[in-house]
Amino acid sequence: MTPQRKARIEAVAARRQPDLTVFMERVHKPHNVAAVLRTCDAVGVMRAHAVPGEGGLPSLNHTSQGAQRWVELQRHPDTLTGLAVLREAGFRLYAAHFSSSAVDFRSPDYTRPTAIVMGTEKFGVSDEALGLIDEEIVIPMLGMSQSLNVSVATALILYEAQRQRSDAGMYAPRSLAESPWQELAAGWVQRDLDRRRMPLPDFEQEDDQG
């Protein structure tokens, strides 16, 4: 590993946001799961959460560009269990859901510990999840379509969270002597060293050059 590669890994780890996350409720299409994780990586999410659908979580494809290596994906057996874990950790839960009580997605304060709850592609967030969340948010739609692709909607919301957190100075690098950034950086560096001893899948070759 070159010093430049190690420095890049540590710089990214130092800006990770442990209190910003996405909860995917039975999102089952591989390209959507991959795209959500890629956006999570781009905005500095440390860990994402998911409840698998009936077929389990799909295998990730090239759409993720290796993002699954940099964003931990914690799986939960069901919605109730997963959201309870986040609630106990102090997260405020926002569900992307169109309703008369939903507020504009730019309204909430995302500088607080925040979990964005996204539902399945066909049916959206379940009634079970809606009974557990703090607030419903909606992306204004001015066309004939009433919703966006789940990965696109997730990206819009996460980038609003990134904007607010950046304005608040929350992306200033944290000391790698602090937890959880210390463990995160050390784990990434070691894993990267281990991976370089093994051949990479074709879709990770380009990502690995950075």
Protein backbone atom coordinates (compact mmCIF):
# COMPACT_ATOMS: atom_id res chain seq x y z
CA MET A 1 0.00 0.00 0.00
CA THR A 2 1.36 3.40 -0.97
CA PRO A 3 1.46 6.23 1.58
CA GLN A 4 -1.01 8.10 -0.64
CA ARG A 5 -3.51 5.23 -0.56
CA LYS A 6 -3.23 4.91 3.23
CA ALA A 7 -3.66 8.68 3.65
CA ARG A 8 -6.76 8.66 1.46
CA ILE A 9 -8.33 5.81 3.42
CA GLU A 10 -7.64 7.53 6.73
CA ALA A 11 -8.94 10.88 5.48
CA VAL A 12 -12.24 9.30 4.38
CA ALA A 13 -12.59 7.38 7.65
CA ALA A 14 -12.02 10.56 9.68
CA ARG A 15 -15.08 12.20 8.09
CA ARG A 16 -17.49 9.30 8.49
CA GLN A 17 -20.82 10.11 10.17
CA PRO A 18 -21.78 7.45 12.72
CA ASP A 19 -25.10 9.18 13.49
CA LEU A 20 -26.46 9.39 9.94
CA THR A 21 -27.88 6.26 8.37
CA VAL A 22 -30.38 4.70 5.99
CA PHE A 23 -32.80 1.90 6.87
CA MET A 24 -33.91 -0.09 3.81
CA GLU A 25 -37.11 -1.99 4.42
CA ARG A 26 -37.24 -4.93 2.01
CA VAL A 27 -35.61 -3.09 -0.90
CA HIS A 28 -35.01 -6.08 -3.13
CA LYS A 29 -33.63 -4.95 -6.49
CA PRO A 30 -29.83 -5.35 -6.66
CA HIS A 31 -29.21 -2.09 -8.51
CA ASN A 32 -31.23 -0.13 -5.95
CA VAL A 33 -29.46 -1.59 -2.92
CA ALA A 34 -26.11 -1.02 -4.63
CA ALA A 35 -26.98 2.55 -5.59
CA VAL A 36 -28.14 3.39 -2.07
CA LEU A 37 -24.88 2.10 -0.61
CA ARG A 38 -22.89 4.05 -3.17
CA THR A 39 -24.67 7.25 -2.13
CA CYS A 40 -24.13 6.38 1.54
CA ASP A 41 -20.42 6.13 0.85
CA ALA A 42 -20.45 9.43 -1.05
CA VAL A 43 -22.03 11.39 1.81
CA GLY A 44 -20.01 9.73 4.55
CA VAL A 45 -22.51 7.32 6.10
CA MET A 46 -20.65 4.87 8.31
CA ARG A 47 -23.30 2.15 8.54
CA ALA A 48 -26.54 1.35 6.71
CA HIS A 49 -29.34 -0.96 7.84
CA ALA A 50 -31.63 -3.33 5.99
CA VAL A 51 -34.49 -5.76 6.50
CA PRO A 52 -34.24 -8.40 3.74
CA GLY A 53 -37.24 -9.20 1.57
CA GLU A 54 -38.57 -12.69 1.04
CA GLY A 55 -35.68 -13.53 -1.25
CA GLY A 56 -33.09 -12.13 1.13
CA LEU A 57 -30.77 -9.25 0.34
CA PRO A 58 -29.72 -9.30 -3.31
CA SER A 59 -26.13 -9.80 -4.38
CA LEU A 60 -24.56 -6.44 -5.11
CA ASN A 61 -23.39 -5.67 -8.61
CA HIS A 62 -21.10 -3.19 -10.33
CA THR A 63 -23.53 -0.34 -9.58
CA SER A 64 -22.10 -0.07 -6.07
CA GLN A 65 -18.54 0.51 -7.39
CA GLY A 66 -17.24 -1.34 -4.33
CA ALA A 67 -19.17 0.88 -1.89
CA GLN A 68 -20.14 -2.17 0.17
CA ARG A 69 -16.49 -2.33 1.27
CA TRP A 70 -16.71 1.13 2.84
CA VAL A 71 -20.25 1.16 4.24
CA GLU A 72 -21.13 -1.52 6.75
CA LEU A 73 -24.55 -3.06 6.07
CA GLN A 74 -26.26 -4.28 9.22
CA ARG A 75 -29.06 -6.76 8.59
CA HIS A 76 -32.13 -7.06 10.84
CA PRO A 77 -34.64 -9.92 10.94
CA ASP A 78 -37.66 -7.62 10.81
CA THR A 79 -38.74 -3.98 10.81
CA LEU A 80 -39.69 -3.82 14.48
CA THR A 81 -36.33 -5.15 15.62
CA GLY A 82 -34.31 -2.95 13.28
CA LEU A 83 -36.08 0.30 14.11
CA ALA A 84 -35.92 -0.51 17.82
CA VAL A 85 -32.14 -0.80 17.53
CA LEU A 86 -31.96 2.65 15.95
CA ARG A 87 -34.39 4.17 18.43
CA GLU A 88 -32.39 2.83 21.38
CA ALA A 89 -29.23 4.29 19.84
CA GLY A 90 -30.85 7.74 19.87
CA PHE A 91 -31.70 8.11 16.18
CA ARG A 92 -34.65 10.17 15.03
CA LEU A 93 -36.56 8.18 12.40
CA TYR A 94 -37.80 9.83 9.19
CA ALA A 95 -39.83 7.80 6.70
CA ALA A 96 -40.01 8.84 3.06
CA HIS A 97 -43.76 8.54 2.59
CA PHE A 98 -46.39 10.61 0.78
CA SER A 99 -49.24 11.59 3.11
CA SER A 100 -51.15 14.64 4.28
CA SER A 101 -48.95 14.84 7.39
CA ALA A 102 -45.62 14.54 5.57
CA VAL A 103 -43.29 17.56 5.60
CA ASP A 104 -40.88 18.72 2.90
CA PHE A 105 -37.74 16.59 3.08
CA ARG A 106 -35.65 19.75 3.52
CA SER A 107 -37.46 20.73 6.72
CA PRO A 108 -36.03 18.34 9.35
CA ASP A 109 -32.84 19.04 11.25
CA TYR A 110 -30.50 16.34 9.95
CA THR A 111 -27.65 17.46 12.18
CA ARG A 112 -29.31 15.39 14.90
CA PRO A 113 -28.80 11.60 14.89
CA THR A 114 -30.88 10.68 11.84
CA ALA A 115 -32.14 7.51 10.20
CA ILE A 116 -33.87 7.73 6.80
CA VAL A 117 -36.39 4.90 6.40
CA MET A 118 -36.96 3.82 2.78
CA GLY A 119 -39.55 1.24 1.77
CA THR A 120 -39.78 -1.43 -0.86
CA GLU A 121 -39.88 -0.40 -4.51
CA LYS A 122 -43.52 -1.33 -5.12
CA PHE A 123 -45.30 -0.61 -1.84
CA GLY A 124 -43.10 1.91 -0.03
CA VAL A 125 -42.72 2.03 3.73
CA SER A 126 -44.92 -0.49 5.55
CA ASP A 127 -47.70 0.44 7.98
CA GLU A 128 -45.67 -1.29 10.67
CA ALA A 129 -42.74 1.05 10.07
CA LEU A 130 -44.98 4.12 9.85
CA GLY A 131 -46.26 3.35 13.32
CA LEU A 132 -42.73 3.59 14.69
CA ILE A 133 -41.23 6.61 12.97
CA ASP A 134 -41.02 10.19 14.27
CA GLU A 135 -41.99 12.03 11.11
CA GLU A 136 -42.92 11.45 7.50
CA ILE A 137 -41.06 13.38 4.81
CA VAL A 138 -41.87 13.89 1.16
CA ILE A 139 -40.01 15.06 -1.94
CA PRO A 140 -42.22 17.57 -3.82
CA MET A 141 -43.35 16.25 -7.20
CA LEU A 142 -44.52 18.64 -9.94
CA GLY A 143 -45.04 16.11 -12.71
CA MET A 144 -47.46 13.29 -13.40
CA SER A 145 -45.32 10.74 -11.57
CA GLN A 146 -45.98 10.57 -7.85
CA SER A 147 -42.69 9.07 -6.72
CA LEU A 148 -39.01 8.71 -7.54
CA ASN A 149 -36.91 5.58 -7.75
CA VAL A 150 -35.97 4.55 -4.21
CA SER A 151 -32.24 5.05 -4.78
CA VAL A 152 -32.79 8.50 -6.33
CA ALA A 153 -35.05 9.57 -3.46
CA THR A 154 -32.49 8.33 -0.94
CA ALA A 155 -29.77 10.33 -2.67
CA LEU A 156 -31.77 13.56 -2.57
CA ILE A 157 -32.50 13.21 1.14
CA LEU A 158 -28.95 12.22 2.05
CA TYR A 159 -27.48 15.14 0.15
CA GLU A 160 -29.77 17.51 2.02
CA ALA A 161 -28.48 15.93 5.23
CA GLN A 162 -24.93 16.36 3.96
CA ARG A 163 -25.58 20.03 3.16
CA GLN A 164 -26.89 20.73 6.64
CA ARG A 165 -24.08 18.83 8.33
CA SER A 166 -21.43 20.47 6.19
CA ASP A 167 -22.79 23.92 7.08
CA ALA A 168 -22.62 22.90 10.74
CA GLY A 169 -18.98 21.81 10.42
CA MET A 170 -19.76 18.15 11.06
CA TYR A 171 -17.47 16.92 8.27
CA ALA A 172 -14.36 18.32 9.91
CA PRO A 173 -11.93 15.38 10.23
CA ARG A 174 -12.10 13.57 13.54
CA SER A 175 -9.00 12.38 15.33
CA LEU A 176 -8.13 8.80 14.47
CA ALA A 177 -7.24 8.38 18.12
CA GLU A 178 -11.00 8.56 18.88
CA SER A 179 -13.53 5.77 18.67
CA PRO A 180 -15.19 4.72 16.35
CA TRP A 181 -12.95 6.43 13.78
CA GLN A 182 -9.82 4.75 15.12
CA GLU A 183 -11.25 1.25 14.68
CA LEU A 184 -12.78 2.13 11.34
CA ALA A 185 -9.54 3.42 9.81
CA ALA A 186 -7.47 0.55 11.18
CA GLY A 187 -9.95 -2.01 9.87
CA TRP A 188 -10.08 -0.42 6.42
CA VAL A 189 -6.30 -0.27 6.11
CA GLN A 190 -5.88 -3.89 7.16
CA ARG A 191 -8.65 -5.10 4.87
CA ASP A 192 -7.19 -3.17 1.96
CA LEU A 193 -3.82 -4.79 2.58
CA ASP A 194 -5.45 -8.22 2.72
CA ARG A 195 -7.40 -7.64 -0.48
CA ARG A 196 -4.29 -6.71 -2.41
CA ARG A 197 -3.05 -10.23 -1.90
CA MET A 198 -6.09 -11.58 -3.76
CA PRO A 199 -7.39 -11.02 -7.32
CA LEU A 200 -10.26 -8.53 -7.56
CA PRO A 201 -13.60 -8.95 -9.34
CA ASP A 202 -13.61 -7.08 -12.64
CA PHE A 203 -16.07 -4.40 -11.47
CA GLU A 204 -13.77 -3.43 -8.56
CA GLN A 205 -10.64 -2.98 -10.63
CA GLU A 206 -11.29 0.70 -11.47
CA ASP A 207 -12.34 1.60 -7.93
CA ASP A 208 -9.21 0.00 -6.48
CA GLN A 209 -6.90 2.31 -8.39
CA GLY A 210 -7.97 5.35 -6.37
